[in-house]
Amino acid sequence: MNTTNQFCQSCGMPLDSEAVIGTNEDGSKNNAYCVFCYKDGKFTEDCTMEEMIAISLKHMKEPFKDNPDFNEQEALAKMQSFFPKLKRWA
């Protein structure tokens, strides 16, 4: 599977391995979404784009907590610019 430059069309997470690819109702892979956003043919969260940005930012802060170059406000601004281009929110 070629996952180069593919991102979840709900949360923006890189789809860089089979393990994170979402699933359709029949169990087949759905290459548009990650398994955290889309499982068994439906979205796992009923939320607005703004709520998804807040969820994603929360999850992003943990791996970068020790990185002095991580700027939460810059990350938020990038997500606010990027998310409207994703299929789920377009």
PDB file of N, CA and C in Angstrom:
ATOM      1  N   MET A   1       0.841  -1.192   0.000  1.00  0.00           N
ATOM      2  CA  MET A   1       0.000   0.000   0.000  1.00  0.00           C
ATOM      3  C   MET A   1       0.876   1.242   0.000  1.00  0.00           C
ATOM      4  N   ASN A   2       0.533   2.179  -0.820  1.00  0.00           N
ATOM      5  CA  ASN A   2       1.279   3.439  -0.875  1.00  0.00           C
ATOM      6  C   ASN A   2       0.578   4.468   0.001  1.00  0.00           C
ATOM      7  N   THR A   3       1.201   4.799   1.114  1.00  0.00           N
ATOM      8  CA  THR A   3       0.601   5.772   2.023  1.00  0.00           C
ATOM      9  C   THR A   3       1.342   7.106   2.005  1.00  0.00           C
ATOM     10  N   THR A   4       2.224   7.289   1.052  1.00  0.00           N
ATOM     11  CA  THR A   4       2.988   8.518   0.972  1.00  0.00           C
ATOM     12  C   THR A   4       2.061   9.727   0.843  1.00  0.00           C
ATOM     13  N   ASN A   5       2.269  10.699   1.702  1.00  0.00           N
ATOM     14  CA  ASN A   5       1.507  11.944   1.676  1.00  0.00           C
ATOM     15  C   ASN A   5       0.011  11.752   1.883  1.00  0.00           C
ATOM     16  N   GLN A   6      -0.392  10.677   2.533  1.00  0.00           N
ATOM     17  CA  GLN A   6      -1.803  10.488   2.838  1.00  0.00           C
ATOM     18  C   GLN A   6      -2.041  10.823   4.300  1.00  0.00           C
ATOM     19  N   PHE A   7      -3.128  11.526   4.518  1.00  0.00           N
ATOM     20  CA  PHE A   7      -3.505  11.938   5.865  1.00  0.00           C
ATOM     21  C   PHE A   7      -4.960  11.571   6.091  1.00  0.00           C
ATOM     22  N   CYS A   8      -5.299  11.288   7.329  1.00  0.00           N
ATOM     23  CA  CYS A   8      -6.692  11.057   7.679  1.00  0.00           C
ATOM     24  C   CYS A   8      -7.485  12.303   7.292  1.00  0.00           C
ATOM     25  N   GLN A   9      -8.580  12.080   6.590  1.00  0.00           N
ATOM     26  CA  GLN A   9      -9.401  13.182   6.112  1.00  0.00           C
ATOM     27  C   GLN A   9     -10.376  13.687   7.172  1.00  0.00           C
ATOM     28  N   SER A  10     -10.103  13.310   8.434  1.00  0.00           N
ATOM     29  CA  SER A  10     -10.884  13.814   9.557  1.00  0.00           C
ATOM     30  C   SER A  10      -9.987  14.541  10.556  1.00  0.00           C
ATOM     31  N   CYS A  11      -8.843  13.905  10.917  1.00  0.00           N
ATOM     32  CA  CYS A  11      -7.977  14.488  11.957  1.00  0.00           C
ATOM     33  C   CYS A  11      -6.599  14.910  11.452  1.00  0.00           C
ATOM     34  N   GLY A  12      -6.242  14.545  10.212  1.00  0.00           N
ATOM     35  CA  GLY A  12      -4.959  14.945   9.654  1.00  0.00           C
ATOM     36  C   GLY A  12      -3.798  14.040  10.019  1.00  0.00           C
ATOM     37  N   MET A  13      -4.055  12.972  10.769  1.00  0.00           N
ATOM     38  CA  MET A  13      -2.982  12.053  11.161  1.00  0.00           C
ATOM     39  C   MET A  13      -2.403  11.368   9.919  1.00  0.00           C
ATOM     40  N   PRO A  14      -1.074  11.245   9.860  1.00  0.00           N
ATOM     41  CA  PRO A  14      -0.481  10.528   8.723  1.00  0.00           C
ATOM     42  C   PRO A  14      -0.956   9.071   8.697  1.00  0.00           C
ATOM     43  N   LEU A  15      -1.336   8.619   7.520  1.00  0.00           N
ATOM     44  CA  LEU A  15      -1.747   7.228   7.343  1.00  0.00           C
ATOM     45  C   LEU A  15      -0.521   6.461   6.842  1.00  0.00           C
ATOM     46  N   ASP A  16       0.406   6.229   7.767  1.00  0.00           N
ATOM     47  CA  ASP A  16       1.704   5.700   7.382  1.00  0.00           C
ATOM     48  C   ASP A  16       1.896   4.207   7.642  1.00  0.00           C
ATOM     49  N   SER A  17       0.833   3.524   8.065  1.00  0.00           N
ATOM     50  CA  SER A  17       0.916   2.071   8.213  1.00  0.00           C
ATOM     51  C   SER A  17      -0.488   1.480   8.133  1.00  0.00           C
ATOM     52  N   GLU A  18      -0.553   0.214   7.753  1.00  0.00           N
ATOM     53  CA  GLU A  18      -1.839  -0.485   7.656  1.00  0.00           C
ATOM     54  C   GLU A  18      -2.596  -0.452   8.984  1.00  0.00           C
ATOM     55  N   ALA A  19      -1.852  -0.473  10.086  1.00  0.00           N
ATOM     56  CA  ALA A  19      -2.466  -0.548  11.416  1.00  0.00           C
ATOM     57  C   ALA A  19      -3.330   0.660  11.748  1.00  0.00           C
ATOM     58  N   VAL A  20      -3.077   1.796  11.124  1.00  0.00           N
ATOM     59  CA  VAL A  20      -3.838   3.007  11.453  1.00  0.00           C
ATOM     60  C   VAL A  20      -4.918   3.346  10.428  1.00  0.00           C
ATOM     61  N   ILE A  21      -5.108   2.492   9.413  1.00  0.00           N
ATOM     62  CA  ILE A  21      -6.113   2.751   8.384  1.00  0.00           C
ATOM     63  C   ILE A  21      -7.493   2.381   8.922  1.00  0.00           C
ATOM     64  N   GLY A  22      -8.463   3.266   8.725  1.00  0.00           N
ATOM     65  CA  GLY A  22      -9.827   3.018   9.169  1.00  0.00           C
ATOM     66  C   GLY A  22     -10.469   1.853   8.430  1.00  0.00           C
ATOM     67  N   THR A  23     -11.631   1.421   8.921  1.00  0.00           N
ATOM     68  CA  THR A  23     -12.308   0.271   8.321  1.00  0.00           C
ATOM     69  C   THR A  23     -13.753   0.597   7.946  1.00  0.00           C
ATOM     70  N   ASN A  24     -14.187  -0.047   6.875  1.00  0.00           N
ATOM     71  CA  ASN A  24     -15.566   0.050   6.428  1.00  0.00           C
ATOM     72  C   ASN A  24     -16.419  -0.950   7.206  1.00  0.00           C
ATOM     73  N   GLU A  25     -17.731  -0.877   6.994  1.00  0.00           N
ATOM     74  CA  GLU A  25     -18.654  -1.758   7.708  1.00  0.00           C
ATOM     75  C   GLU A  25     -18.339  -3.234   7.474  1.00  0.00           C
ATOM     76  N   ASP A  26     -17.871  -3.565   6.264  1.00  0.00           N
ATOM     77  CA  ASP A  26     -17.559  -4.960   5.944  1.00  0.00           C
ATOM     78  C   ASP A  26     -16.160  -5.387   6.394  1.00  0.00           C
ATOM     79  N   GLY A  27     -15.451  -4.483   7.075  1.00  0.00           N
ATOM     80  CA  GLY A  27     -14.111  -4.792   7.574  1.00  0.00           C
ATOM     81  C   GLY A  27     -12.989  -4.438   6.618  1.00  0.00           C
ATOM     82  N   SER A  28     -13.327  -4.058   5.393  1.00  0.00           N
ATOM     83  CA  SER A  28     -12.291  -3.645   4.443  1.00  0.00           C
ATOM     84  C   SER A  28     -11.698  -2.307   4.873  1.00  0.00           C
ATOM     85  N   LYS A  29     -10.526  -2.005   4.374  1.00  0.00           N
ATOM     86  CA  LYS A  29      -9.839  -0.769   4.732  1.00  0.00           C
ATOM     87  C   LYS A  29     -10.472   0.431   4.037  1.00  0.00           C
ATOM     88  N   ASN A  30     -10.519   1.546   4.739  1.00  0.00           N
ATOM     89  CA  ASN A  30     -10.968   2.810   4.172  1.00  0.00           C
ATOM     90  C   ASN A  30      -9.771   3.740   4.211  1.00  0.00           C
ATOM     91  N   ASN A  31      -9.134   3.931   3.070  1.00  0.00           N
ATOM     92  CA  ASN A  31      -7.877   4.671   2.996  1.00  0.00           C
ATOM     93  C   ASN A  31      -8.005   6.177   3.202  1.00  0.00           C
ATOM     94  N   ALA A  32      -9.226   6.667   3.417  1.00  0.00           N
ATOM     95  CA  ALA A  32      -9.410   8.104   3.626  1.00  0.00           C
ATOM     96  C   ALA A  32      -9.279   8.500   5.097  1.00  0.00           C
ATOM     97  N   TYR A  33      -9.463   7.537   6.000  1.00  0.00           N
ATOM     98  CA  TYR A  33      -9.525   7.871   7.425  1.00  0.00           C
ATOM     99  C   TYR A  33      -8.678   6.933   8.277  1.00  0.00           C
ATOM    100  N   CYS A  34      -8.291   7.430   9.435  1.00  0.00           N
ATOM    101  CA  CYS A  34      -7.566   6.587  10.392  1.00  0.00           C
ATOM    102  C   CYS A  34      -8.580   5.799  11.225  1.00  0.00           C
ATOM    103  N   VAL A  35      -8.109   4.749  11.853  1.00  0.00           N
ATOM    104  CA  VAL A  35      -8.972   3.885  12.655  1.00  0.00           C
ATOM    105  C   VAL A  35      -9.491   4.601  13.908  1.00  0.00           C
ATOM    106  N   PHE A  36      -8.817   5.651  14.320  1.00  0.00           N
ATOM    107  CA  PHE A  36      -9.273   6.401  15.494  1.00  0.00           C
ATOM    108  C   PHE A  36     -10.478   7.284  15.161  1.00  0.00           C
ATOM    109  N   CYS A  37     -10.619   7.647  13.882  1.00  0.00           N
ATOM    110  CA  CYS A  37     -11.736   8.486  13.441  1.00  0.00           C
ATOM    111  C   CYS A  37     -12.851   7.697  12.771  1.00  0.00           C
ATOM    112  N   TYR A  38     -12.487   6.588  12.110  1.00  0.00           N
ATOM    113  CA  TYR A  38     -13.465   5.863  11.298  1.00  0.00           C
ATOM    114  C   TYR A  38     -13.278   4.371  11.479  1.00  0.00           C
ATOM    115  N   LYS A  39     -14.274   3.721  12.063  1.00  0.00           N
ATOM    116  CA  LYS A  39     -14.183   2.289  12.346  1.00  0.00           C
ATOM    117  C   LYS A  39     -15.528   1.633  12.069  1.00  0.00           C
ATOM    118  N   ASP A  40     -15.482   0.496  11.395  1.00  0.00           N
ATOM    119  CA  ASP A  40     -16.685  -0.276  11.078  1.00  0.00           C
ATOM    120  C   ASP A  40     -17.723   0.544  10.303  1.00  0.00           C
ATOM    121  N   GLY A  41     -17.214   1.415   9.403  1.00  0.00           N
ATOM    122  CA  GLY A  41     -18.100   2.157   8.515  1.00  0.00           C
ATOM    123  C   GLY A  41     -18.724   3.407   9.080  1.00  0.00           C
ATOM    124  N   LYS A  42     -18.264   3.845  10.249  1.00  0.00           N
ATOM    125  CA  LYS A  42     -18.808   5.092  10.793  1.00  0.00           C
ATOM    126  C   LYS A  42     -17.754   5.850  11.597  1.00  0.00           C
ATOM    127  N   PHE A  43     -17.997   7.132  11.719  1.00  0.00           N
ATOM    128  CA  PHE A  43     -17.085   7.962  12.496  1.00  0.00           C
ATOM    129  C   PHE A  43     -17.184   7.599  13.972  1.00  0.00           C
ATOM    130  N   THR A  44     -16.059   7.592  14.640  1.00  0.00           N
ATOM    131  CA  THR A  44     -16.024   7.229  16.057  1.00  0.00           C
ATOM    132  C   THR A  44     -16.442   8.389  16.946  1.00  0.00           C
ATOM    133  N   GLU A  45     -16.343   9.611  16.443  1.00  0.00           N
ATOM    134  CA  GLU A  45     -16.725  10.812  17.204  1.00  0.00           C
ATOM    135  C   GLU A  45     -17.720  11.627  16.384  1.00  0.00           C
ATOM    136  N   ASP A  46     -18.802  12.036  17.014  1.00  0.00           N
ATOM    137  CA  ASP A  46     -19.738  12.962  16.400  1.00  0.00           C
ATOM    138  C   ASP A  46     -19.347  14.343  16.910  1.00  0.00           C
ATOM    139  N   CYS A  47     -18.581  15.057  16.106  1.00  0.00           N
ATOM    140  CA  CYS A  47     -18.051  16.336  16.573  1.00  0.00           C
ATOM    141  C   CYS A  47     -17.938  17.325  15.428  1.00  0.00           C
ATOM    142  N   THR A  48     -17.733  18.568  15.788  1.00  0.00           N
ATOM    143  CA  THR A  48     -17.502  19.618  14.802  1.00  0.00           C
ATOM    144  C   THR A  48     -16.013  19.643  14.447  1.00  0.00           C
ATOM    145  N   MET A  49     -15.682  20.368  13.412  1.00  0.00           N
ATOM    146  CA  MET A  49     -14.280  20.523  13.038  1.00  0.00           C
ATOM    147  C   MET A  49     -13.493  21.168  14.179  1.00  0.00           C
ATOM    148  N   GLU A  50     -14.069  22.148  14.829  1.00  0.00           N
ATOM    149  CA  GLU A  50     -13.385  22.833  15.924  1.00  0.00           C
ATOM    150  C   GLU A  50     -13.121  21.871  17.088  1.00  0.00           C
ATOM    151  N   GLU A  51     -14.096  20.999  17.359  1.00  0.00           N
ATOM    152  CA  GLU A  51     -13.899  20.002  18.411  1.00  0.00           C
ATOM    153  C   GLU A  51     -12.806  19.004  18.026  1.00  0.00           C
ATOM    154  N   MET A  52     -12.760  18.619  16.745  1.00  0.00           N
ATOM    155  CA  MET A  52     -11.720  17.691  16.283  1.00  0.00           C
ATOM    156  C   MET A  52     -10.344  18.342  16.383  1.00  0.00           C
ATOM    157  N   ILE A  53     -10.246  19.618  16.090  1.00  0.00           N
ATOM    158  CA  ILE A  53      -8.971  20.329  16.232  1.00  0.00           C
ATOM    159  C   ILE A  53      -8.530  20.294  17.693  1.00  0.00           C
ATOM    160  N   ALA A  54      -9.450  20.540  18.609  1.00  0.00           N
ATOM    161  CA  ALA A  54      -9.108  20.513  20.042  1.00  0.00           C
ATOM    162  C   ALA A  54      -8.653  19.117  20.473  1.00  0.00           C
ATOM    163  N   ILE A  55      -9.346  18.078  19.991  1.00  0.00           N
ATOM    164  CA  ILE A  55      -8.961  16.698  20.305  1.00  0.00           C
ATOM    165  C   ILE A  55      -7.568  16.412  19.757  1.00  0.00           C
ATOM    166  N   SER A  56      -7.324  16.786  18.511  1.00  0.00           N
ATOM    167  CA  SER A  56      -6.033  16.531  17.864  1.00  0.00           C
ATOM    168  C   SER A  56      -4.901  17.282  18.559  1.00  0.00           C
ATOM    169  N   LEU A  57      -5.161  18.516  18.948  1.00  0.00           N
ATOM    170  CA  LEU A  57      -4.137  19.309  19.636  1.00  0.00           C
ATOM    171  C   LEU A  57      -3.774  18.659  20.972  1.00  0.00           C
ATOM    172  N   LYS A  58      -4.775  18.176  21.671  1.00  0.00           N
ATOM    173  CA  LYS A  58      -4.537  17.498  22.957  1.00  0.00           C
ATOM    174  C   LYS A  58      -3.633  16.275  22.754  1.00  0.00           C
ATOM    175  N   HIS A  59      -3.935  15.490  21.723  1.00  0.00           N
ATOM    176  CA  HIS A  59      -3.126  14.296  21.445  1.00  0.00           C
ATOM    177  C   HIS A  59      -1.731  14.654  20.938  1.00  0.00           C
ATOM    178  N   MET A  60      -1.606  15.770  20.271  1.00  0.00           N
ATOM    179  CA  MET A  60      -0.319  16.205  19.730  1.00  0.00           C
ATOM    180  C   MET A  60       0.610  16.721  20.835  1.00  0.00           C
ATOM    181  N   LYS A  61       0.046  17.310  21.859  1.00  0.00           N
ATOM    182  CA  LYS A  61       0.872  17.917  22.918  1.00  0.00           C
ATOM    183  C   LYS A  61       1.692  16.876  23.673  1.00  0.00           C
ATOM    184  N   GLU A  62       1.148  15.685  23.876  1.00  0.00           N
ATOM    185  CA  GLU A  62       1.854  14.662  24.656  1.00  0.00           C
ATOM    186  C   GLU A  62       3.200  14.255  24.034  1.00  0.00           C
ATOM    187  N   PRO A  63       3.248  13.853  22.755  1.00  0.00           N
ATOM    188  CA  PRO A  63       4.550  13.447  22.210  1.00  0.00           C
ATOM    189  C   PRO A  63       5.561  14.592  22.095  1.00  0.00           C
ATOM    190  N   PHE A  64       5.079  15.833  22.071  1.00  0.00           N
ATOM    191  CA  PHE A  64       5.973  16.984  21.922  1.00  0.00           C
ATOM    192  C   PHE A  64       6.245  17.710  23.234  1.00  0.00           C
ATOM    193  N   LYS A  65       5.781  17.146  24.357  1.00  0.00           N
ATOM    194  CA  LYS A  65       5.875  17.864  25.639  1.00  0.00           C
ATOM    195  C   LYS A  65       7.306  18.230  26.036  1.00  0.00           C
ATOM    196  N   ASP A  66       8.286  17.458  25.599  1.00  0.00           N
ATOM    197  CA  ASP A  66       9.678  17.743  25.940  1.00  0.00           C
ATOM    198  C   ASP A  66      10.430  18.453  24.817  1.00  0.00           C
ATOM    199  N   ASN A  67       9.729  18.835  23.771  1.00  0.00           N
ATOM    200  CA  ASN A  67      10.354  19.506  22.630  1.00  0.00           C
ATOM    201  C   ASN A  67      10.216  21.018  22.803  1.00  0.00           C
ATOM    202  N   PRO A  68      11.326  21.704  23.063  1.00  0.00           N
ATOM    203  CA  PRO A  68      11.242  23.160  23.275  1.00  0.00           C
ATOM    204  C   PRO A  68      10.818  23.930  22.023  1.00  0.00           C
ATOM    205  N   ASP A  69      10.925  23.292  20.854  1.00  0.00           N
ATOM    206  CA  ASP A  69      10.541  23.962  19.610  1.00  0.00           C
ATOM    207  C   ASP A  69       9.045  23.867  19.329  1.00  0.00           C
ATOM    208  N   PHE A  70       8.333  23.036  20.100  1.00  0.00           N
ATOM    209  CA  PHE A  70       6.893  22.892  19.875  1.00  0.00           C
ATOM    210  C   PHE A  70       6.167  24.123  20.398  1.00  0.00           C
ATOM    211  N   ASN A  71       5.377  24.727  19.542  1.00  0.00           N
ATOM    212  CA  ASN A  71       4.596  25.906  19.908  1.00  0.00           C
ATOM    213  C   ASN A  71       3.117  25.569  19.716  1.00  0.00           C
ATOM    214  N   GLU A  72       2.398  25.485  20.812  1.00  0.00           N
ATOM    215  CA  GLU A  72       0.992  25.087  20.769  1.00  0.00           C
ATOM    216  C   GLU A  72       0.154  26.030  19.905  1.00  0.00           C
ATOM    217  N   GLN A  73       0.407  27.317  20.004  1.00  0.00           N
ATOM    218  CA  GLN A  73      -0.374  28.281  19.219  1.00  0.00           C
ATOM    219  C   GLN A  73      -0.094  28.140  17.725  1.00  0.00           C
ATOM    220  N   GLU A  74       1.166  27.876  17.370  1.00  0.00           N
ATOM    221  CA  GLU A  74       1.491  27.658  15.954  1.00  0.00           C
ATOM    222  C   GLU A  74       0.830  26.386  15.445  1.00  0.00           C
ATOM    223  N   ALA A  75       0.856  25.338  16.263  1.00  0.00           N
ATOM    224  CA  ALA A  75       0.221  24.076  15.884  1.00  0.00           C
ATOM    225  C   ALA A  75      -1.285  24.287  15.687  1.00  0.00           C
ATOM    226  N   LEU A  76      -1.911  25.014  16.584  1.00  0.00           N
ATOM    227  CA  LEU A  76      -3.331  25.311  16.477  1.00  0.00           C
ATOM    228  C   LEU A  76      -3.632  26.081  15.194  1.00  0.00           C
ATOM    229  N   ALA A  77      -2.832  27.086  14.906  1.00  0.00           N
ATOM    230  CA  ALA A  77      -3.032  27.890  13.695  1.00  0.00           C
ATOM    231  C   ALA A  77      -2.881  27.032  12.438  1.00  0.00           C
ATOM    232  N   LYS A  78      -1.908  26.129  12.432  1.00  0.00           N
ATOM    233  CA  LYS A  78      -1.716  25.244  11.275  1.00  0.00           C
ATOM    234  C   LYS A  78      -2.918  24.326  11.101  1.00  0.00           C
ATOM    235  N   MET A  79      -3.436  23.785  12.196  1.00  0.00           N
ATOM    236  CA  MET A  79      -4.605  22.906  12.113  1.00  0.00           C
ATOM    237  C   MET A  79      -5.831  23.675  11.634  1.00  0.00           C
ATOM    238  N   GLN A  80      -5.987  24.897  12.106  1.00  0.00           N
ATOM    239  CA  GLN A  80      -7.143  25.708  11.695  1.00  0.00           C
ATOM    240  C   GLN A  80      -7.084  26.033  10.206  1.00  0.00           C
ATOM    241  N   SER A  81      -5.881  26.056   9.648  1.00  0.00           N
ATOM    242  CA  SER A  81      -5.712  26.293   8.221  1.00  0.00           C
ATOM    243  C   SER A  81      -5.862  24.998   7.410  1.00  0.00           C
ATOM    244  N   PHE A  82      -5.364  23.893   7.953  1.00  0.00           N
ATOM    245  CA  PHE A  82      -5.309  22.605   7.259  1.00  0.00           C
ATOM    246  C   PHE A  82      -6.638  21.845   7.284  1.00  0.00           C
ATOM    247  N   PHE A  83      -7.317  21.826   8.419  1.00  0.00           N
ATOM    248  CA  PHE A  83      -8.510  21.005   8.587  1.00  0.00           C
ATOM    249  C   PHE A  83      -9.633  21.327   7.589  1.00  0.00           C
ATOM    250  N   PRO A  84      -9.892  22.603   7.259  1.00  0.00           N
ATOM    251  CA  PRO A  84     -10.974  22.872   6.302  1.00  0.00           C
ATOM    252  C   PRO A  84     -10.733  22.248   4.932  1.00  0.00           C
ATOM    253  N   LYS A  85      -9.515  21.843   4.650  1.00  0.00           N
ATOM    254  CA  LYS A  85      -9.188  21.211   3.354  1.00  0.00           C
ATOM    255  C   LYS A  85      -9.412  19.706   3.397  1.00  0.00           C
ATOM    256  N   LEU A  86      -9.633  19.138   4.573  1.00  0.00           N
ATOM    257  CA  LEU A  86      -9.836  17.695   4.706  1.00  0.00           C
ATOM    258  C   LEU A  86     -11.257  17.332   4.266  1.00  0.00           C
ATOM    259  N   LYS A  87     -11.385  16.155   3.667  1.00  0.00           N
ATOM    260  CA  LYS A  87     -12.656  15.686   3.082  1.00  0.00           C
ATOM    261  C   LYS A  87     -13.838  15.794   4.047  1.00  0.00           C
ATOM    262  N   ARG A  88     -13.640  15.401   5.301  1.00  0.00           N
ATOM    263  CA  ARG A  88     -14.761  15.405   6.254  1.00  0.00           C
ATOM    264  C   ARG A  88     -15.282  16.814   6.511  1.00  0.00           C
ATOM    265  N   TRP A  89     -14.430  17.811   6.440  1.00  0.00           N
ATOM    266  CA  TRP A  89     -14.811  19.174   6.827  1.00  0.00           C
ATOM    267  C   TRP A  89     -14.994  20.111   5.633  1.00  0.00           C
ATOM    268  N   ALA A  90     -14.640  19.659   4.451  1.00  0.00           N
ATOM    269  CA  ALA A  90     -14.705  20.528   3.259  1.00  0.00           C
ATOM    270  C   ALA A  90     -16.144  20.812   2.851  1.00  0.00           C
TER     271      ALA A  90
END
